[in-house]
C-alpha atoms as a PDB file:
ATOM      1  CA  MET A   1     -30.617  -9.119  49.585  1.00  0.00           C
ATOM      2  CA  SER A   2     -30.757 -12.867  49.990  1.00  0.00           C
ATOM      3  CA  THR A   3     -27.732 -15.102  50.057  1.00  0.00           C
ATOM      4  CA  THR A   4     -29.005 -17.126  47.114  1.00  0.00           C
ATOM      5  CA  LYS A   5     -29.469 -14.022  45.018  1.00  0.00           C
ATOM      6  CA  THR A   6     -25.943 -12.813  45.974  1.00  0.00           C
ATOM      7  CA  LYS A   7     -24.443 -16.197  45.036  1.00  0.00           C
ATOM      8  CA  THR A   8     -26.284 -16.217  41.715  1.00  0.00           C
ATOM      9  CA  LEU A   9     -25.106 -12.678  40.978  1.00  0.00           C
ATOM     10  CA  GLY A  10     -21.512 -13.602  41.904  1.00  0.00           C
ATOM     11  CA  ILE A  11     -21.574 -16.711  39.703  1.00  0.00           C
ATOM     12  CA  GLY A  12     -23.031 -14.637  36.863  1.00  0.00           C
ATOM     13  CA  LYS A  13     -20.203 -12.093  37.171  1.00  0.00           C
ATOM     14  CA  MET A  14     -17.585 -14.867  37.201  1.00  0.00           C
ATOM     15  CA  LEU A  15     -19.122 -16.467  34.113  1.00  0.00           C
ATOM     16  CA  GLY A  16     -19.168 -13.067  32.405  1.00  0.00           C
ATOM     17  CA  VAL A  17     -15.479 -12.509  33.206  1.00  0.00           C
ATOM     18  CA  ALA A  18     -14.639 -16.033  31.993  1.00  0.00           C
ATOM     19  CA  LEU A  19     -16.524 -15.471  28.721  1.00  0.00           C
ATOM     20  CA  ALA A  20     -14.850 -12.089  28.214  1.00  0.00           C
ATOM     21  CA  ALA A  21     -11.408 -13.643  28.825  1.00  0.00           C
ATOM     22  CA  PHE A  22     -12.188 -16.445  26.352  1.00  0.00           C
ATOM     23  CA  GLY A  23     -13.394 -13.946  23.745  1.00  0.00           C
ATOM     24  CA  PHE A  24     -10.308 -11.771  24.234  1.00  0.00           C
ATOM     25  CA  ALA A  25      -7.959 -14.790  23.901  1.00  0.00           C
ATOM     26  CA  PHE A  26      -9.831 -15.929  20.791  1.00  0.00           C
ATOM     27  CA  ALA A  27      -9.504 -12.421  19.257  1.00  0.00           C
ATOM     28  CA  LEU A  28      -5.743 -12.242  19.899  1.00  0.00           C
ATOM     29  CA  VAL A  29      -4.901 -14.431  16.867  1.00  0.00           C
ATOM     30  CA  PRO A  30      -6.451 -12.119  14.243  1.00  0.00           C
ATOM     31  CA  ILE A  31      -5.221  -9.037  16.125  1.00  0.00           C
ATOM     32  CA  TYR A  32      -1.680 -10.470  16.113  1.00  0.00           C
ATOM     33  CA  ARG A  33      -1.927 -11.253  12.379  1.00  0.00           C
ATOM     34  CA  ILE A  34      -3.156  -7.740  11.577  1.00  0.00           C
ATOM     35  CA  ALA A  35      -0.416  -6.152  13.702  1.00  0.00           C
ATOM     36  CA  CYS A  36       2.292  -8.238  12.022  1.00  0.00           C
ATOM     37  CA  GLU A  37       1.069  -7.510   8.498  1.00  0.00           C
ATOM     38  CA  LYS A  38       0.053  -3.856   8.802  1.00  0.00           C
ATOM     39  CA  VAL A  39       2.472  -2.516  11.400  1.00  0.00           C
ATOM     40  CA  PHE A  40       5.582  -4.665  10.909  1.00  0.00           C
ATOM     41  CA  GLY A  41       5.097  -5.711   7.270  1.00  0.00           C
ATOM     42  CA  VAL A  42       5.459  -9.436   8.040  1.00  0.00           C
ATOM     43  CA  ARG A  43       3.207 -11.818   6.139  1.00  0.00           C
ATOM     44  CA  LEU A  44       2.257 -14.856   8.207  1.00  0.00           C
ATOM     45  CA  GLU A  45       0.282 -16.856   5.652  1.00  0.00           C
ATOM     46  CA  GLN A  46       3.075 -17.853   3.269  1.00  0.00           C
ATOM     47  CA  GLY A  47       3.181 -21.554   2.577  1.00  0.00           C
ATOM     48  CA  PRO A  48       6.486 -23.391   2.000  1.00  0.00           C
ATOM     49  CA  VAL A  49       6.195 -23.094  -1.795  1.00  0.00           C
ATOM     50  CA  GLN A  50       5.726 -19.314  -1.639  1.00  0.00           C
ATOM     51  CA  VAL A  51       8.680 -18.899   0.722  1.00  0.00           C
ATOM     52  CA  ARG A  52      10.967 -20.899  -1.605  1.00  0.00           C
ATOM     53  CA  ALA A  53       9.768 -18.911  -4.638  1.00  0.00           C
ATOM     54  CA  ASP A  54      10.428 -15.606  -2.837  1.00  0.00           C
ATOM     55  CA  ALA A  55      13.932 -16.762  -1.794  1.00  0.00           C
ATOM     56  CA  ALA A  56      14.769 -17.827  -5.371  1.00  0.00           C
ATOM     57  CA  ALA A  57      13.544 -14.504  -6.772  1.00  0.00           C
ATOM     58  CA  ARG A  58      15.661 -12.591  -4.252  1.00  0.00           C
ATOM     59  CA  GLN A  59      18.790 -14.557  -5.209  1.00  0.00           C
ATOM     60  CA  GLU A  60      18.282 -13.733  -8.886  1.00  0.00           C
ATOM     61  CA  ARG A  61      17.730 -10.020  -8.292  1.00  0.00           C
ATOM     62  CA  TRP A  62      20.472  -7.534  -9.135  1.00  0.00           C
ATOM     63  CA  ILE A  63      20.579  -3.812  -8.351  1.00  0.00           C
ATOM     64  CA  THR A  64      22.845  -1.140  -9.820  1.00  0.00           C
ATOM     65  CA  VAL A  65      24.506   1.099  -7.241  1.00  0.00           C
ATOM     66  CA  GLN A  66      25.884   4.384  -8.556  1.00  0.00           C
ATOM     67  CA  PHE A  67      28.576   6.288  -6.655  1.00  0.00           C
ATOM     68  CA  ASP A  68      29.072  10.036  -6.571  1.00  0.00           C
ATOM     69  CA  GLY A  69      31.277  12.343  -4.527  1.00  0.00           C
ATOM     70  CA  GLY A  70      32.094  16.012  -4.162  1.00  0.00           C
ATOM     71  CA  VAL A  71      33.477  18.618  -1.798  1.00  0.00           C
ATOM     72  CA  ASN A  72      32.194  21.872  -0.378  1.00  0.00           C
ATOM     73  CA  SER A  73      33.875  24.944  -1.892  1.00  0.00           C
ATOM     74  CA  LYS A  74      35.657  25.729   1.432  1.00  0.00           C
ATOM     75  CA  LEU A  75      37.531  22.420   1.319  1.00  0.00           C
ATOM     76  CA  PRO A  76      40.603  22.237  -0.971  1.00  0.00           C
ATOM     77  CA  TRP A  77      40.324  18.485  -1.473  1.00  0.00           C
ATOM     78  CA  HIS A  78      39.884  16.329  -4.541  1.00  0.00           C
ATOM     79  CA  PHE A  79      37.320  13.606  -3.777  1.00  0.00           C
ATOM     80  CA  LYS A  80      35.729  11.063  -6.099  1.00  0.00           C
ATOM     81  CA  PRO A  81      34.590   7.434  -6.283  1.00  0.00           C
ATOM     82  CA  GLU A  82      37.089   4.986  -7.762  1.00  0.00           C
ATOM     83  CA  GLN A  83      34.268   3.343  -9.731  1.00  0.00           C
ATOM     84  CA  THR A  84      31.012   4.975 -10.722  1.00  0.00           C
ATOM     85  CA  THR A  85      28.728   1.904 -10.781  1.00  0.00           C
ATOM     86  CA  MET A  86      28.543  -1.584  -9.310  1.00  0.00           C
ATOM     87  CA  ARG A  87      26.036  -4.404  -9.809  1.00  0.00           C
ATOM     88  CA  VAL A  88      25.083  -5.882  -6.444  1.00  0.00           C
ATOM     89  CA  GLN A  89      22.877  -8.668  -5.210  1.00  0.00           C
ATOM     90  CA  PRO A  90      20.645  -7.755  -2.255  1.00  0.00           C
ATOM     91  CA  GLY A  91      21.628  -9.436   0.994  1.00  0.00           C
ATOM     92  CA  ARG A  92      25.349  -9.622   0.205  1.00  0.00           C
ATOM     93  CA  GLN A  93      28.083  -7.299   1.472  1.00  0.00           C
ATOM     94  CA  TYR A  94      30.121  -5.225  -0.991  1.00  0.00           C
ATOM     95  CA  GLU A  95      32.941  -2.706  -0.762  1.00  0.00           C
ATOM     96  CA  ALA A  96      33.493   0.437  -2.807  1.00  0.00           C
ATOM     97  CA  LEU A  97      36.437   2.832  -2.631  1.00  0.00           C
ATOM     98  CA  TYR A  98      36.564   6.595  -2.758  1.00  0.00           C
ATOM     99  CA  PHE A  99      39.754   8.572  -3.367  1.00  0.00           C
ATOM    100  CA  ALA A 100      40.566  11.751  -1.435  1.00  0.00           C
ATOM    101  CA  LYS A 101      43.529  14.117  -1.722  1.00  0.00           C
ATOM    102  CA  ASN A 102      44.279  17.244   0.273  1.00  0.00           C
ATOM    103  CA  GLU A 103      45.412  19.818  -2.297  1.00  0.00           C
ATOM    104  CA  GLY A 104      45.859  22.488   0.383  1.00  0.00           C
ATOM    105  CA  ASP A 105      49.093  23.614   2.048  1.00  0.00           C
ATOM    106  CA  ARG A 106      48.200  22.470   5.586  1.00  0.00           C
ATOM    107  CA  ALA A 107      46.434  19.625   7.411  1.00  0.00           C
ATOM    108  CA  ILE A 108      42.658  19.763   7.161  1.00  0.00           C
ATOM    109  CA  VAL A 109      39.912  17.783   8.899  1.00  0.00           C
ATOM    110  CA  GLY A 110      36.836  16.928   6.851  1.00  0.00           C
ATOM    111  CA  ASN A 111      33.516  15.229   7.465  1.00  0.00           C
ATOM    112  CA  ALA A 112      31.617  13.313   4.796  1.00  0.00           C
ATOM    113  CA  VAL A 113      27.835  13.559   4.665  1.00  0.00           C
ATOM    114  CA  PRO A 114      26.165  10.670   2.807  1.00  0.00           C
ATOM    115  CA  SER A 115      22.885  10.615   0.954  1.00  0.00           C
ATOM    116  CA  VAL A 116      20.992   7.809  -0.753  1.00  0.00           C
ATOM    117  CA  ALA A 117      18.598   8.245  -3.671  1.00  0.00           C
ATOM    118  CA  PRO A 118      15.824   7.509  -4.295  1.00  0.00           C
ATOM    119  CA  ALA A 119      14.658   8.409  -0.804  1.00  0.00           C
ATOM    120  CA  ARG A 120      12.496   5.290  -0.501  1.00  0.00           C
ATOM    121  CA  ALA A 121      15.648   3.139  -0.871  1.00  0.00           C
ATOM    122  CA  SER A 122      17.518   4.812   2.002  1.00  0.00           C
ATOM    123  CA  GLY A 123      15.998   2.528   4.627  1.00  0.00           C
ATOM    124  CA  TYR A 124      17.182  -0.516   2.682  1.00  0.00           C
ATOM    125  CA  PHE A 125      20.797   0.600   2.169  1.00  0.00           C
ATOM    126  CA  SER A 126      23.031  -0.155   5.160  1.00  0.00           C
ATOM    127  CA  LYS A 127      26.633   0.974   5.525  1.00  0.00           C
ATOM    128  CA  THR A 128      28.493  -1.483   7.773  1.00  0.00           C
ATOM    129  CA  GLU A 129      31.804   0.389   7.596  1.00  0.00           C
ATOM    130  CA  CYS A 130      32.283   3.908   6.285  1.00  0.00           C
ATOM    131  CA  PHE A 131      34.726   6.794   6.331  1.00  0.00           C
ATOM    132  CA  CYS A 132      31.690   8.978   6.993  1.00  0.00           C
ATOM    133  CA  PHE A 133      31.358   7.595  10.539  1.00  0.00           C
ATOM    134  CA  THR A 134      34.337   9.682  11.761  1.00  0.00           C
ATOM    135  CA  ALA A 135      36.137  12.892  10.849  1.00  0.00           C
ATOM    136  CA  GLN A 136      38.993  12.409   8.363  1.00  0.00           C
ATOM    137  CA  THR A 137      42.327  14.224   8.639  1.00  0.00           C
ATOM    138  CA  LEU A 138      44.556  14.639   5.587  1.00  0.00           C
ATOM    139  CA  GLN A 139      47.957  16.285   5.798  1.00  0.00           C
ATOM    140  CA  ALA A 140      48.981  18.761   3.062  1.00  0.00           C
ATOM    141  CA  GLY A 141      49.384  16.803  -0.185  1.00  0.00           C
ATOM    142  CA  GLU A 142      48.249  13.498   1.401  1.00  0.00           C
ATOM    143  CA  SER A 143      45.963  11.186  -0.543  1.00  0.00           C
ATOM    144  CA  ARG A 144      44.054   8.149   0.653  1.00  0.00           C
ATOM    145  CA  ASP A 145      41.610   5.469  -0.472  1.00  0.00           C
ATOM    146  CA  MET A 146      38.523   5.467   1.707  1.00  0.00           C
ATOM    147  CA  PRO A 147      36.396   2.294   1.772  1.00  0.00           C
ATOM    148  CA  VAL A 148      32.698   1.970   2.344  1.00  0.00           C
ATOM    149  CA  ARG A 149      31.150  -1.459   2.979  1.00  0.00           C
ATOM    150  CA  PHE A 150      27.436  -1.826   2.425  1.00  0.00           C
ATOM    151  CA  ILE A 151      24.524  -4.244   2.102  1.00  0.00           C
ATOM    152  CA  VAL A 152      21.307  -3.701   0.161  1.00  0.00           C
ATOM    153  CA  ASP A 153      18.378  -5.223   2.069  1.00  0.00           C
ATOM    154  CA  PRO A 154      16.608  -8.024   0.130  1.00  0.00           C
ATOM    155  CA  ASP A 155      13.271  -6.375   1.029  1.00  0.00           C
ATOM    156  CA  LEU A 156      14.104  -3.368  -1.187  1.00  0.00           C
ATOM    157  CA  PRO A 157      10.894  -2.491  -3.103  1.00  0.00           C
ATOM    158  CA  ALA A 158      10.751  -4.301  -6.452  1.00  0.00           C
ATOM    159  CA  GLY A 159      10.420  -1.058  -8.409  1.00  0.00           C
ATOM    160  CA  VAL A 160      13.848   0.181  -7.293  1.00  0.00           C
ATOM    161  CA  LYS A 161      16.486  -0.931  -9.805  1.00  0.00           C
ATOM    162  CA  THR A 162      19.150   1.739  -9.201  1.00  0.00           C
ATOM    163  CA  ILE A 163      20.427   3.315  -5.982  1.00  0.00           C
ATOM    164  CA  THR A 164      22.776   6.301  -5.873  1.00  0.00           C
ATOM    165  CA  LEU A 165      25.166   6.701  -2.940  1.00  0.00           C
ATOM    166  CA  SER A 166      26.545  10.211  -2.803  1.00  0.00           C
ATOM    167  CA  TYR A 167      28.957  11.912  -0.402  1.00  0.00           C
ATOM    168  CA  THR A 168      29.799  15.557   0.104  1.00  0.00           C
ATOM    169  CA  PHE A 169      32.882  16.383   2.173  1.00  0.00           C
ATOM    170  CA  TYR A 170      32.790  19.521   4.326  1.00  0.00           C
ATOM    171  CA  LYS A 171      35.652  21.207   6.123  1.00  0.00           C
ATOM    172  CA  ASN A 172      35.423  20.759   9.878  1.00  0.00           C
ATOM    173  CA  ASP A 173      36.532  24.276  10.889  1.00  0.00           C
ATOM    174  CA  ALA A 174      36.688  23.628  14.648  1.00  0.00           C
ATOM    175  CA  GLN A 175      38.790  20.463  14.418  1.00  0.00           C
ATOM    176  CA  THR A 176      41.024  21.914  11.685  1.00  0.00           C
ATOM    177  CA  ALA A 177      41.705  25.020  13.822  1.00  0.00           C
ATOM    178  CA  ALA A 178      42.474  22.873  16.876  1.00  0.00           C
ATOM    179  CA  LEU A 179      44.757  20.656  14.791  1.00  0.00           C
ATOM    180  CA  ASN A 180      46.721  23.594  13.414  1.00  0.00           C
ATOM    181  CA  VAL A 181      46.933  25.359  16.833  1.00  0.00           C
ATOM    182  CA  GLY A 182      48.376  22.185  18.317  1.00  0.00           C
ATOM    183  CA  LYS A 183      50.872  21.902  15.442  1.00  0.00           C
ATOM    184  CA  ALA A 184      51.916  25.562  15.827  1.00  0.00           C
ATOM    185  CA  GLN A 185      52.463  25.097  19.574  1.00  0.00           C
ATOM    186  CA  ALA A 186      54.558  21.985  18.926  1.00  0.00           C
ATOM    187  CA  ASP A 187      56.648  23.913  16.335  1.00  0.00           C
ATOM    188  CA  VAL A 188      57.258  26.748  18.857  1.00  0.00           C
ATOM    189  CA  ALA A 189      58.258  24.248  21.552  1.00  0.00           C
ATOM    190  CA  ARG A 190      60.748  22.574  19.190  1.00  0.00           C
ATOM    191  CA  ALA A 191      62.240  25.924  18.127  1.00  0.00           C
ATOM    192  CA  ALA A 192      62.782  27.130  21.714  1.00  0.00           C
ATOM    193  CA  PRO A 193      66.382  26.713  23.008  1.00  0.00           C
END
């Protein structure tokens, strides 16, 4: 193979690589746009007027949040929301209170399990502080207000007008048993001479 032919072939390969790199860089813009819109749900082609109109519409939007609460049959607690509905504006933080009372004759540990309906709204409802994040201990006869702070995401689908936040409290058998064993041992230690 001649040196001239090798040089020509090498230059041809370099030009091919350069053209491929240019084509790939040129294609990145539409690929990026498609990825943002289809995968991440971000629209890139909104002009300033459209952005202002969207922001104004979001500020005028109101959602009704309904509250519900109950207990599992093994848990002798009374548990309910202190208000059943609240009008909220997406993007702002709100607080709701639930009331719980241990109607049993000993301390009991309970865990609250939340649910949000409709299911398509659950990804847009964020609890920033909630009694459901940790186990709750109520002594016999003790009652307590339990707050939940939440934000409804402004990107909530337009068709959703009402969201229901519901909690069910369950008895935490393991922690309740450990709590009462510890109390019994402390009572025995105090009674010993």
